[in-house]
Amino acid sequence: MPIYHLDITNCDLFQNSLGLSEALVLNGNVKKFTIAKNKIHDNDNIGIDMIGFEGTAPKNDFVREGICEQNELWNNSTTRNPSYQEASSASIYVDGGRDIVIQ
C-alpha cells in the first residue's frame, strides 16, 4: 500500500548537515503527493529529491503522480559537505520518480 496524498507545504528547511541525504526527500512507494510553497536553503546537499528503485519498498518502489510547485530554493551545495570530494549543487532532483509536474 503506498503512502498516498502526502502534502508537504509551507516548511522552512535550512542549515542542515545532510551527509549523503537530501534536505527534503520522497523515496519508495509514494503516490499522489504535493511539495509546495516551501523554503529550502543553506543546506549542504540537494534541496528536494524524488527517488525510486532503491529497494525501500517491496512493490512499486518509486515516487509518482505528484506535483512540486512554488518552492523557493537557494544556497544548497555540497561545498561544506565532508561526504563529497568535489563541490556540486542541485535544487530539485528526480532520480527514478515518474509522472511528476515541477513548476
PDB file of N, CA and C in Angstrom:
ATOM      1  N   MET A   1       0.843  -1.187   0.000  1.00  0.00           N
ATOM      2  CA  MET A   1       0.000   0.000   0.000  1.00  0.00           C
ATOM      3  C   MET A   1       0.887   1.250   0.000  1.00  0.00           C
ATOM      4  N   PRO A   2       0.658   2.174  -0.920  1.00  0.00           N
ATOM      5  CA  PRO A   2       1.520   3.357  -0.986  1.00  0.00           C
ATOM      6  C   PRO A   2       1.219   4.374   0.118  1.00  0.00           C
ATOM      7  N   ILE A   3       2.207   5.203   0.361  1.00  0.00           N
ATOM      8  CA  ILE A   3       1.936   6.443   1.095  1.00  0.00           C
ATOM      9  C   ILE A   3       1.189   7.301   0.090  1.00  0.00           C
ATOM     10  N   TYR A   4       0.001   7.743   0.443  1.00  0.00           N
ATOM     11  CA  TYR A   4      -0.931   8.321  -0.515  1.00  0.00           C
ATOM     12  C   TYR A   4      -1.374   9.699  -0.054  1.00  0.00           C
ATOM     13  N   HIS A   5      -1.455  10.646  -0.978  1.00  0.00           N
ATOM     14  CA  HIS A   5      -1.893  12.020  -0.708  1.00  0.00           C
ATOM     15  C   HIS A   5      -1.035  12.703   0.354  1.00  0.00           C
ATOM     16  N   LEU A   6       0.256  12.601   0.213  1.00  0.00           N
ATOM     17  CA  LEU A   6       1.203  13.271   1.101  1.00  0.00           C
ATOM     18  C   LEU A   6       1.286  14.734   0.701  1.00  0.00           C
ATOM     19  N   ASP A   7       1.214  15.635   1.664  1.00  0.00           N
ATOM     20  CA  ASP A   7       1.249  17.072   1.415  1.00  0.00           C
ATOM     21  C   ASP A   7       2.330  17.703   2.290  1.00  0.00           C
ATOM     22  N   ILE A   8       3.369  18.230   1.658  1.00  0.00           N
ATOM     23  CA  ILE A   8       4.438  18.928   2.372  1.00  0.00           C
ATOM     24  C   ILE A   8       4.406  20.369   1.887  1.00  0.00           C
ATOM     25  N   THR A   9       3.877  21.257   2.732  1.00  0.00           N
ATOM     26  CA  THR A   9       3.611  22.635   2.328  1.00  0.00           C
ATOM     27  C   THR A   9       4.038  23.609   3.424  1.00  0.00           C
ATOM     28  N   ASN A  10       4.563  24.765   2.987  1.00  0.00           N
ATOM     29  CA  ASN A  10       4.919  25.876   3.874  1.00  0.00           C
ATOM     30  C   ASN A  10       5.938  25.514   4.951  1.00  0.00           C
ATOM     31  N   CYS A  11       6.928  24.735   4.577  1.00  0.00           N
ATOM     32  CA  CYS A  11       8.010  24.382   5.504  1.00  0.00           C
ATOM     33  C   CYS A  11       9.232  25.245   5.202  1.00  0.00           C
ATOM     34  N   ASP A  12      10.072  25.427   6.202  1.00  0.00           N
ATOM     35  CA  ASP A  12      11.341  26.126   6.045  1.00  0.00           C
ATOM     36  C   ASP A  12      12.436  25.172   6.492  1.00  0.00           C
ATOM     37  N   LEU A  13      13.194  24.652   5.537  1.00  0.00           N
ATOM     38  CA  LEU A  13      14.273  23.699   5.815  1.00  0.00           C
ATOM     39  C   LEU A  13      15.597  24.387   5.527  1.00  0.00           C
ATOM     40  N   PHE A  14      16.439  24.537   6.547  1.00  0.00           N
ATOM     41  CA  PHE A  14      17.664  25.295   6.344  1.00  0.00           C
ATOM     42  C   PHE A  14      18.768  24.861   7.305  1.00  0.00           C
ATOM     43  N   GLN A  15      20.002  25.088   6.859  1.00  0.00           N
ATOM     44  CA  GLN A  15      21.224  24.848   7.622  1.00  0.00           C
ATOM     45  C   GLN A  15      21.332  23.417   8.142  1.00  0.00           C
ATOM     46  N   ASN A  16      20.987  22.444   7.294  1.00  0.00           N
ATOM     47  CA  ASN A  16      21.092  21.033   7.671  1.00  0.00           C
ATOM     48  C   ASN A  16      22.414  20.451   7.184  1.00  0.00           C
ATOM     49  N   SER A  17      23.025  19.607   8.034  1.00  0.00           N
ATOM     50  CA  SER A  17      24.195  18.812   7.660  1.00  0.00           C
ATOM     51  C   SER A  17      23.671  17.453   7.228  1.00  0.00           C
ATOM     52  N   LEU A  18      23.701  17.166   5.929  1.00  0.00           N
ATOM     53  CA  LEU A  18      22.931  16.055   5.373  1.00  0.00           C
ATOM     54  C   LEU A  18      23.735  14.813   5.026  1.00  0.00           C
ATOM     55  N   GLY A  19      25.031  14.878   5.009  1.00  0.00           N
ATOM     56  CA  GLY A  19      25.801  13.711   4.572  1.00  0.00           C
ATOM     57  C   GLY A  19      25.422  13.354   3.146  1.00  0.00           C
ATOM     58  N   LEU A  20      25.046  12.100   2.909  1.00  0.00           N
ATOM     59  CA  LEU A  20      24.667  11.658   1.561  1.00  0.00           C
ATOM     60  C   LEU A  20      23.172  11.810   1.280  1.00  0.00           C
ATOM     61  N   SER A  21      22.407  12.354   2.204  1.00  0.00           N
ATOM     62  CA  SER A  21      20.970  12.510   2.019  1.00  0.00           C
ATOM     63  C   SER A  21      20.645  13.900   1.451  1.00  0.00           C
ATOM     64  N   GLU A  22      19.370  14.210   1.351  1.00  0.00           N
ATOM     65  CA  GLU A  22      18.895  15.481   0.818  1.00  0.00           C
ATOM     66  C   GLU A  22      18.043  16.181   1.873  1.00  0.00           C
ATOM     67  N   ALA A  23      17.795  17.465   1.685  1.00  0.00           N
ATOM     68  CA  ALA A  23      17.011  18.226   2.670  1.00  0.00           C
ATOM     69  C   ALA A  23      15.569  17.714   2.750  1.00  0.00           C
ATOM     70  N   LEU A  24      14.923  17.535   1.618  1.00  0.00           N
ATOM     71  CA  LEU A  24      13.560  17.003   1.569  1.00  0.00           C
ATOM     72  C   LEU A  24      13.560  15.891   0.520  1.00  0.00           C
ATOM     73  N   VAL A  25      13.292  14.676   0.943  1.00  0.00           N
ATOM     74  CA  VAL A  25      13.348  13.548   0.013  1.00  0.00           C
ATOM     75  C   VAL A  25      12.116  12.666   0.164  1.00  0.00           C
ATOM     76  N   LEU A  26      11.535  12.298  -0.973  1.00  0.00           N
ATOM     77  CA  LEU A  26      10.483  11.282  -1.006  1.00  0.00           C
ATOM     78  C   LEU A  26      11.098  10.064  -1.681  1.00  0.00           C
ATOM     79  N   ASN A  27      10.945   8.906  -1.069  1.00  0.00           N
ATOM     80  CA  ASN A  27      11.601   7.700  -1.544  1.00  0.00           C
ATOM     81  C   ASN A  27      10.673   6.515  -1.339  1.00  0.00           C
ATOM     82  N   GLY A  28      10.588   5.640  -2.319  1.00  0.00           N
ATOM     83  CA  GLY A  28       9.801   4.414  -2.173  1.00  0.00           C
ATOM     84  C   GLY A  28       8.398   4.542  -2.735  1.00  0.00           C
ATOM     85  N   ASN A  29       7.470   3.831  -2.153  1.00  0.00           N
ATOM     86  CA  ASN A  29       6.104   3.709  -2.651  1.00  0.00           C
ATOM     87  C   ASN A  29       5.257   4.906  -2.216  1.00  0.00           C
ATOM     88  N   VAL A  30       5.431   6.015  -2.911  1.00  0.00           N
ATOM     89  CA  VAL A  30       4.705   7.259  -2.623  1.00  0.00           C
ATOM     90  C   VAL A  30       3.921   7.641  -3.871  1.00  0.00           C
ATOM     91  N   LYS A  31       2.617   7.885  -3.705  1.00  0.00           N
ATOM     92  CA  LYS A  31       1.739   8.183  -4.841  1.00  0.00           C
ATOM     93  C   LYS A  31       0.853   9.380  -4.514  1.00  0.00           C
ATOM     94  N   LYS A  32       0.703  10.281  -5.492  1.00  0.00           N
ATOM     95  CA  LYS A  32      -0.155  11.469  -5.377  1.00  0.00           C
ATOM     96  C   LYS A  32       0.284  12.336  -4.194  1.00  0.00           C
ATOM     97  N   PHE A  33       1.294  13.139  -4.437  1.00  0.00           N
ATOM     98  CA  PHE A  33       1.860  13.991  -3.390  1.00  0.00           C
ATOM     99  C   PHE A  33       1.942  15.432  -3.880  1.00  0.00           C
ATOM    100  N   THR A  34       2.100  16.330  -2.939  1.00  0.00           N
ATOM    101  CA  THR A  34       2.326  17.740  -3.230  1.00  0.00           C
ATOM    102  C   THR A  34       3.483  18.229  -2.366  1.00  0.00           C
ATOM    103  N   ILE A  35       4.432  18.879  -3.015  1.00  0.00           N
ATOM    104  CA  ILE A  35       5.511  19.585  -2.326  1.00  0.00           C
ATOM    105  C   ILE A  35       5.389  21.029  -2.798  1.00  0.00           C
ATOM    106  N   ALA A  36       4.914  21.928  -1.934  1.00  0.00           N
ATOM    107  CA  ALA A  36       4.595  23.276  -2.398  1.00  0.00           C
ATOM    108  C   ALA A  36       4.890  24.353  -1.353  1.00  0.00           C
ATOM    109  N   LYS A  37       5.299  25.503  -1.857  1.00  0.00           N
ATOM    110  CA  LYS A  37       5.469  26.722  -1.066  1.00  0.00           C
ATOM    111  C   LYS A  37       6.447  26.558   0.091  1.00  0.00           C
ATOM    112  N   ASN A  38       7.472  25.734  -0.121  1.00  0.00           N
ATOM    113  CA  ASN A  38       8.497  25.540   0.896  1.00  0.00           C
ATOM    114  C   ASN A  38       9.693  26.427   0.606  1.00  0.00           C
ATOM    115  N   LYS A  39      10.445  26.770   1.635  1.00  0.00           N
ATOM    116  CA  LYS A  39      11.707  27.496   1.512  1.00  0.00           C
ATOM    117  C   LYS A  39      12.803  26.545   1.969  1.00  0.00           C
ATOM    118  N   ILE A  40      13.696  26.206   1.046  1.00  0.00           N
ATOM    119  CA  ILE A  40      14.743  25.229   1.324  1.00  0.00           C
ATOM    120  C   ILE A  40      16.073  25.878   0.960  1.00  0.00           C
ATOM    121  N   HIS A  41      16.904  26.133   1.961  1.00  0.00           N
ATOM    122  CA  HIS A  41      18.099  26.931   1.699  1.00  0.00           C
ATOM    123  C   HIS A  41      19.231  26.637   2.690  1.00  0.00           C
ATOM    124  N   ASP A  42      20.429  26.947   2.238  1.00  0.00           N
ATOM    125  CA  ASP A  42      21.635  26.855   3.060  1.00  0.00           C
ATOM    126  C   ASP A  42      21.852  25.455   3.644  1.00  0.00           C
ATOM    127  N   ASN A  43      21.572  24.429   2.835  1.00  0.00           N
ATOM    128  CA  ASN A  43      21.820  23.036   3.213  1.00  0.00           C
ATOM    129  C   ASN A  43      23.056  22.534   2.474  1.00  0.00           C
ATOM    130  N   ASP A  44      23.694  21.475   3.003  1.00  0.00           N
ATOM    131  CA  ASP A  44      24.933  21.010   2.373  1.00  0.00           C
ATOM    132  C   ASP A  44      24.736  19.820   1.424  1.00  0.00           C
ATOM    133  N   ASN A  45      23.558  19.762   0.783  1.00  0.00           N
ATOM    134  CA  ASN A  45      23.309  18.808  -0.294  1.00  0.00           C
ATOM    135  C   ASN A  45      22.059  19.244  -1.049  1.00  0.00           C
ATOM    136  N   ILE A  46      21.507  18.376  -1.861  1.00  0.00           N
ATOM    137  CA  ILE A  46      20.355  18.656  -2.717  1.00  0.00           C
ATOM    138  C   ILE A  46      19.165  19.155  -1.888  1.00  0.00           C
ATOM    139  N   GLY A  47      18.395  20.083  -2.447  1.00  0.00           N
ATOM    140  CA  GLY A  47      17.229  20.635  -1.769  1.00  0.00           C
ATOM    141  C   GLY A  47      16.049  19.674  -1.725  1.00  0.00           C
ATOM    142  N   ILE A  48      15.529  19.269  -2.889  1.00  0.00           N
ATOM    143  CA  ILE A  48      14.381  18.353  -2.984  1.00  0.00           C
ATOM    144  C   ILE A  48      14.770  17.201  -3.903  1.00  0.00           C
ATOM    145  N   ASP A  49      14.486  15.976  -3.472  1.00  0.00           N
ATOM    146  CA  ASP A  49      14.774  14.798  -4.285  1.00  0.00           C
ATOM    147  C   ASP A  49      13.569  13.864  -4.265  1.00  0.00           C
ATOM    148  N   MET A  50      13.189  13.361  -5.432  1.00  0.00           N
ATOM    149  CA  MET A  50      12.091  12.403  -5.575  1.00  0.00           C
ATOM    150  C   MET A  50      12.663  11.155  -6.224  1.00  0.00           C
ATOM    151  N   ILE A  51      12.754  10.074  -5.448  1.00  0.00           N
ATOM    152  CA  ILE A  51      13.579   8.913  -5.787  1.00  0.00           C
ATOM    153  C   ILE A  51      12.725   7.684  -6.077  1.00  0.00           C
ATOM    154  N   GLY A  52      13.332   6.735  -6.750  1.00  0.00           N
ATOM    155  CA  GLY A  52      12.726   5.431  -6.948  1.00  0.00           C
ATOM    156  C   GLY A  52      13.769   4.341  -7.093  1.00  0.00           C
ATOM    157  N   PHE A  53      13.337   3.129  -6.893  1.00  0.00           N
ATOM    158  CA  PHE A  53      14.121   1.912  -7.166  1.00  0.00           C
ATOM    159  C   PHE A  53      15.396   1.797  -6.328  1.00  0.00           C
ATOM    160  N   GLU A  54      15.290   2.140  -5.053  1.00  0.00           N
ATOM    161  CA  GLU A  54      16.426   1.991  -4.148  1.00  0.00           C
ATOM    162  C   GLU A  54      16.244   0.828  -3.168  1.00  0.00           C
ATOM    163  N   GLY A  55      15.200   0.026  -3.376  1.00  0.00           N
ATOM    164  CA  GLY A  55      14.983  -1.119  -2.507  1.00  0.00           C
ATOM    165  C   GLY A  55      14.340  -0.783  -1.175  1.00  0.00           C
ATOM    166  N   THR A  56      13.633   0.342  -1.092  1.00  0.00           N
ATOM    167  CA  THR A  56      12.996   0.738   0.166  1.00  0.00           C
ATOM    168  C   THR A  56      11.567   0.218   0.292  1.00  0.00           C
ATOM    169  N   ALA A  57      10.972  -0.236  -0.799  1.00  0.00           N
ATOM    170  CA  ALA A  57       9.610  -0.768  -0.776  1.00  0.00           C
ATOM    171  C   ALA A  57       9.575  -2.065  -1.592  1.00  0.00           C
ATOM    172  N   PRO A  58       8.848  -3.072  -1.132  1.00  0.00           N
ATOM    173  CA  PRO A  58       8.830  -4.348  -1.862  1.00  0.00           C
ATOM    174  C   PRO A  58       8.075  -4.289  -3.188  1.00  0.00           C
ATOM    175  N   LYS A  59       7.161  -3.324  -3.335  1.00  0.00           N
ATOM    176  CA  LYS A  59       6.352  -3.206  -4.544  1.00  0.00           C
ATOM    177  C   LYS A  59       6.197  -1.729  -4.888  1.00  0.00           C
ATOM    178  N   ASN A  60       6.179  -1.412  -6.180  1.00  0.00           N
ATOM    179  CA  ASN A  60       6.032  -0.018  -6.629  1.00  0.00           C
ATOM    180  C   ASN A  60       7.020   0.900  -5.911  1.00  0.00           C
ATOM    181  N   ASP A  61       8.273   0.572  -6.001  1.00  0.00           N
ATOM    182  CA  ASP A  61       9.341   1.259  -5.277  1.00  0.00           C
ATOM    183  C   ASP A  61       9.779   2.539  -6.000  1.00  0.00           C
ATOM    184  N   PHE A  62       8.822   3.458  -6.191  1.00  0.00           N
ATOM    185  CA  PHE A  62       9.152   4.736  -6.825  1.00  0.00           C
ATOM    186  C   PHE A  62       8.096   5.778  -6.486  1.00  0.00           C
ATOM    187  N   VAL A  63       8.531   7.022  -6.457  1.00  0.00           N
ATOM    188  CA  VAL A  63       7.667   8.170  -6.202  1.00  0.00           C
ATOM    189  C   VAL A  63       6.970   8.529  -7.507  1.00  0.00           C
ATOM    190  N   ARG A  64       5.650   8.826  -7.449  1.00  0.00           N
ATOM    191  CA  ARG A  64       4.921   9.046  -8.694  1.00  0.00           C
ATOM    192  C   ARG A  64       3.668   9.907  -8.502  1.00  0.00           C
ATOM    193  N   GLU A  65       3.203  10.433  -9.637  1.00  0.00           N
ATOM    194  CA  GLU A  65       1.939  11.175  -9.728  1.00  0.00           C
ATOM    195  C   GLU A  65       1.854  12.312  -8.710  1.00  0.00           C
ATOM    196  N   GLY A  66       2.876  13.168  -8.729  1.00  0.00           N
ATOM    197  CA  GLY A  66       2.888  14.276  -7.784  1.00  0.00           C
ATOM    198  C   GLY A  66       3.151  15.605  -8.447  1.00  0.00           C
ATOM    199  N   ILE A  67       3.124  16.635  -7.623  1.00  0.00           N
ATOM    200  CA  ILE A  67       3.406  17.986  -8.083  1.00  0.00           C
ATOM    201  C   ILE A  67       4.367  18.648  -7.102  1.00  0.00           C
ATOM    202  N   CYS A  68       5.317  19.338  -7.671  1.00  0.00           N
ATOM    203  CA  CYS A  68       6.309  20.098  -6.912  1.00  0.00           C
ATOM    204  C   CYS A  68       6.250  21.522  -7.463  1.00  0.00           C
ATOM    205  N   GLU A  69       5.705  22.453  -6.683  1.00  0.00           N
ATOM    206  CA  GLU A  69       5.459  23.786  -7.231  1.00  0.00           C
ATOM    207  C   GLU A  69       5.651  24.892  -6.203  1.00  0.00           C
ATOM    208  N   GLN A  70       5.986  26.065  -6.698  1.00  0.00           N
ATOM    209  CA  GLN A  70       6.086  27.295  -5.919  1.00  0.00           C
ATOM    210  C   GLN A  70       7.030  27.175  -4.723  1.00  0.00           C
ATOM    211  N   ASN A  71       8.063  26.367  -4.864  1.00  0.00           N
ATOM    212  CA  ASN A  71       9.074  26.263  -3.823  1.00  0.00           C
ATOM    213  C   ASN A  71      10.191  27.261  -4.101  1.00  0.00           C
ATOM    214  N   GLU A  72      10.817  27.764  -3.054  1.00  0.00           N
ATOM    215  CA  GLU A  72      11.973  28.637  -3.179  1.00  0.00           C
ATOM    216  C   GLU A  72      13.184  27.882  -2.650  1.00  0.00           C
ATOM    217  N   LEU A  73      14.217  27.757  -3.487  1.00  0.00           N
ATOM    218  CA  LEU A  73      15.422  27.038  -3.094  1.00  0.00           C
ATOM    219  C   LEU A  73      16.649  27.885  -3.413  1.00  0.00           C
ATOM    220  N   TRP A  74      17.595  27.968  -2.454  1.00  0.00           N
ATOM    221  CA  TRP A  74      18.830  28.695  -2.689  1.00  0.00           C
ATOM    222  C   TRP A  74      19.928  28.212  -1.729  1.00  0.00           C
ATOM    223  N   ASN A  75      21.171  28.384  -2.178  1.00  0.00           N
ATOM    224  CA  ASN A  75      22.362  28.033  -1.397  1.00  0.00           C
ATOM    225  C   ASN A  75      22.367  26.586  -0.911  1.00  0.00           C
ATOM    226  N   ASN A  76      21.959  25.663  -1.743  1.00  0.00           N
ATOM    227  CA  ASN A  76      22.068  24.236  -1.437  1.00  0.00           C
ATOM    228  C   ASN A  76      23.254  23.708  -2.231  1.00  0.00           C
ATOM    229  N   SER A  77      24.331  23.337  -1.546  1.00  0.00           N
ATOM    230  CA  SER A  77      25.576  22.964  -2.200  1.00  0.00           C
ATOM    231  C   SER A  77      26.372  21.992  -1.330  1.00  0.00           C
ATOM    232  N   THR A  78      27.146  21.129  -1.968  1.00  0.00           N
ATOM    233  CA  THR A  78      27.993  20.188  -1.227  1.00  0.00           C
ATOM    234  C   THR A  78      29.344  20.802  -0.849  1.00  0.00           C
ATOM    235  N   THR A  79      29.532  22.080  -1.073  1.00  0.00           N
ATOM    236  CA  THR A  79      30.813  22.737  -0.801  1.00  0.00           C
ATOM    237  C   THR A  79      31.317  22.464   0.613  1.00  0.00           C
ATOM    238  N   ARG A  80      30.448  22.473   1.613  1.00  0.00           N
ATOM    239  CA  ARG A  80      30.830  22.259   3.011  1.00  0.00           C
ATOM    240  C   ARG A  80      30.508  20.847   3.504  1.00  0.00           C
ATOM    241  N   ASN A  81      30.146  19.951   2.604  1.00  0.00           N
ATOM    242  CA  ASN A  81      29.754  18.595   2.994  1.00  0.00           C
ATOM    243  C   ASN A  81      30.965  17.660   2.904  1.00  0.00           C
ATOM    244  N   PRO A  82      31.436  17.115   4.055  1.00  0.00           N
ATOM    245  CA  PRO A  82      32.619  16.254   4.033  1.00  0.00           C
ATOM    246  C   PRO A  82      32.409  14.917   3.318  1.00  0.00           C
ATOM    247  N   SER A  83      31.186  14.553   2.981  1.00  0.00           N
ATOM    248  CA  SER A  83      30.908  13.301   2.277  1.00  0.00           C
ATOM    249  C   SER A  83      31.275  13.365   0.795  1.00  0.00           C
ATOM    250  N   TYR A  84      31.563  14.562   0.283  1.00  0.00           N
ATOM    251  CA  TYR A  84      31.854  14.749  -1.139  1.00  0.00           C
ATOM    252  C   TYR A  84      33.255  15.307  -1.347  1.00  0.00           C
ATOM    253  N   GLN A  85      33.932  14.814  -2.372  1.00  0.00           N
ATOM    254  CA  GLN A  85      35.271  15.296  -2.720  1.00  0.00           C
ATOM    255  C   GLN A  85      35.222  16.573  -3.558  1.00  0.00           C
ATOM    256  N   GLU A  86      34.149  16.713  -4.367  1.00  0.00           N
ATOM    257  CA  GLU A  86      34.015  17.875  -5.232  1.00  0.00           C
ATOM    258  C   GLU A  86      32.709  18.598  -4.929  1.00  0.00           C
ATOM    259  N   ALA A  87      32.715  19.891  -5.121  1.00  0.00           N
ATOM    260  CA  ALA A  87      31.514  20.695  -4.885  1.00  0.00           C
ATOM    261  C   ALA A  87      30.516  20.523  -6.021  1.00  0.00           C
ATOM    262  N   SER A  88      29.252  20.396  -5.665  1.00  0.00           N
ATOM    263  CA  SER A  88      28.164  20.377  -6.638  1.00  0.00           C
ATOM    264  C   SER A  88      26.919  20.907  -5.940  1.00  0.00           C
ATOM    265  N   SER A  89      25.904  21.181  -6.725  1.00  0.00           N
ATOM    266  CA  SER A  89      24.666  21.663  -6.121  1.00  0.00           C
ATOM    267  C   SER A  89      23.488  21.286  -7.002  1.00  0.00           C
ATOM    268  N   ALA A  90      22.341  21.208  -6.372  1.00  0.00           N
ATOM    269  CA  ALA A  90      21.100  20.949  -7.092  1.00  0.00           C
ATOM    270  C   ALA A  90      19.947  21.434  -6.237  1.00  0.00           C
ATOM    271  N   SER A  91      18.977  21.990  -6.874  1.00  0.00           N
ATOM    272  CA  SER A  91      17.789  22.424  -6.140  1.00  0.00           C
ATOM    273  C   SER A  91      16.739  21.332  -6.130  1.00  0.00           C
ATOM    274  N   ILE A  92      16.320  20.886  -7.309  1.00  0.00           N
ATOM    275  CA  ILE A  92      15.297  19.848  -7.421  1.00  0.00           C
ATOM    276  C   ILE A  92      15.836  18.734  -8.300  1.00  0.00           C
ATOM    277  N   TYR A  93      15.732  17.505  -7.806  1.00  0.00           N
ATOM    278  CA  TYR A  93      16.333  16.352  -8.479  1.00  0.00           C
ATOM    279  C   TYR A  93      15.319  15.210  -8.498  1.00  0.00           C
ATOM    280  N   VAL A  94      15.123  14.614  -9.662  1.00  0.00           N
ATOM    281  CA  VAL A  94      14.256  13.437  -9.784  1.00  0.00           C
ATOM    282  C   VAL A  94      15.133  12.283 -10.256  1.00  0.00           C
ATOM    283  N   ASP A  95      15.178  11.232  -9.460  1.00  0.00           N
ATOM    284  CA  ASP A  95      16.031  10.078  -9.750  1.00  0.00           C
ATOM    285  C   ASP A  95      15.208   8.810  -9.559  1.00  0.00           C
ATOM    286  N   GLY A  96      14.496   8.401 -10.603  1.00  0.00           N
ATOM    287  CA  GLY A  96      13.653   7.206 -10.527  1.00  0.00           C
ATOM    288  C   GLY A  96      12.186   7.495 -10.307  1.00  0.00           C
ATOM    289  N   GLY A  97      11.824   8.753 -10.015  1.00  0.00           N
ATOM    290  CA  GLY A  97      10.409   9.125  -9.904  1.00  0.00           C
ATOM    291  C   GLY A  97       9.805   9.275 -11.290  1.00  0.00           C
ATOM    292  N   ARG A  98       8.465   9.284 -11.368  1.00  0.00           N
ATOM    293  CA  ARG A  98       7.845   9.487 -12.678  1.00  0.00           C
ATOM    294  C   ARG A  98       6.470  10.147 -12.537  1.00  0.00           C
ATOM    295  N   ASP A  99       6.036  10.717 -13.633  1.00  0.00           N
ATOM    296  CA  ASP A  99       4.742  11.427 -13.691  1.00  0.00           C
ATOM    297  C   ASP A  99       4.684  12.514 -12.617  1.00  0.00           C
ATOM    298  N   ILE A 100       5.714  13.344 -12.586  1.00  0.00           N
ATOM    299  CA  ILE A 100       5.829  14.428 -11.608  1.00  0.00           C
ATOM    300  C   ILE A 100       5.850  15.755 -12.359  1.00  0.00           C
ATOM    301  N   VAL A 101       5.003  16.682 -11.949  1.00  0.00           N
ATOM    302  CA  VAL A 101       4.982  18.028 -12.514  1.00  0.00           C
ATOM    303  C   VAL A 101       5.825  18.921 -11.609  1.00  0.00           C
ATOM    304  N   ILE A 102       6.788  19.603 -12.206  1.00  0.00           N
ATOM    305  CA  ILE A 102       7.634  20.539 -11.464  1.00  0.00           C
ATOM    306  C   ILE A 102       7.422  21.920 -12.063  1.00  0.00           C
ATOM    307  N   GLN A 103       6.982  22.845 -11.213  1.00  0.00           N
ATOM    308  CA  GLN A 103       6.700  24.229 -11.671  1.00  0.00           C
ATOM    309  C   GLN A 103       7.376  25.213 -10.754  1.00  0.00           C
TER     310      GLN A 103
END
